[in-house]
């Protein structure tokens, strides 16, 4: 599965990208016909 990854408000490391992609690929075990092609990671700041 080819997944485009975008990080907002921080720099995404290769380790974090690999971790997220592996966990997304696991979703295929639980859901049939899942199609994810873009992952957006962001940090939400609470003030």
Protein backbone atom coordinates (compact mmCIF):
# COMPACT_ATOMS: atom_id res chain seq x y z
CA UNK A 1 0.00 0.00 0.00
CA UNK A 2 1.43 3.37 -1.02
CA UNK A 3 0.77 5.98 1.68
CA UNK A 4 1.62 9.67 1.32
CA UNK A 5 2.56 11.17 4.68
CA UNK A 6 2.32 14.84 5.62
CA UNK A 7 3.41 16.44 8.89
CA UNK A 8 1.95 19.72 10.10
CA UNK A 9 3.59 21.89 12.75
CA UNK A 10 6.56 19.53 13.28
CA UNK A 11 9.22 17.53 11.45
CA UNK A 12 8.25 13.91 10.95
CA UNK A 13 11.12 11.50 11.60
CA UNK A 14 11.59 8.31 9.62
CA UNK A 15 10.95 6.20 12.73
CA UNK A 16 7.64 7.92 13.43
CA UNK A 17 6.61 7.62 9.76
CA UNK A 18 7.40 3.89 9.75
CA UNK A 19 5.48 3.38 13.00
CA UNK A 20 2.38 5.14 11.62
CA UNK A 21 2.47 3.29 8.30
CA UNK A 22 2.82 -0.12 9.98
CA UNK A 23 -0.17 0.57 12.22
CA UNK A 24 -2.28 1.78 9.30
CA UNK A 25 -1.48 -1.39 7.36
CA UNK A 26 -2.78 -3.41 10.33
CA UNK A 27 -6.23 -1.86 9.83
CA UNK A 28 -6.66 -4.17 6.84
CA UNK A 29 -7.04 -7.07 9.28
CA UNK A 30 -10.16 -5.54 10.82
CA UNK A 31 -11.79 -3.70 7.91
CA UNK A 32 -12.46 -5.03 4.42
CA UNK A 33 -11.73 -2.90 1.37
CA UNK A 34 -10.02 -0.11 3.32
CA UNK A 35 -8.28 2.43 1.11
CA UNK A 36 -5.99 4.97 2.77
CA UNK A 37 -3.61 6.90 0.55
CA UNK A 38 -2.82 10.01 2.60
CA UNK A 39 -1.84 10.26 6.26
CA UNK A 40 -1.73 13.67 7.94
CA UNK A 41 0.09 13.92 11.29
CA UNK A 42 -0.30 17.07 13.33
CA UNK A 43 0.31 18.35 16.83
CA UNK A 44 -2.58 19.99 18.60
CA UNK A 45 -1.50 22.51 21.21
CA UNK A 46 -3.71 23.13 24.21
CA UNK A 47 -3.36 26.45 25.91
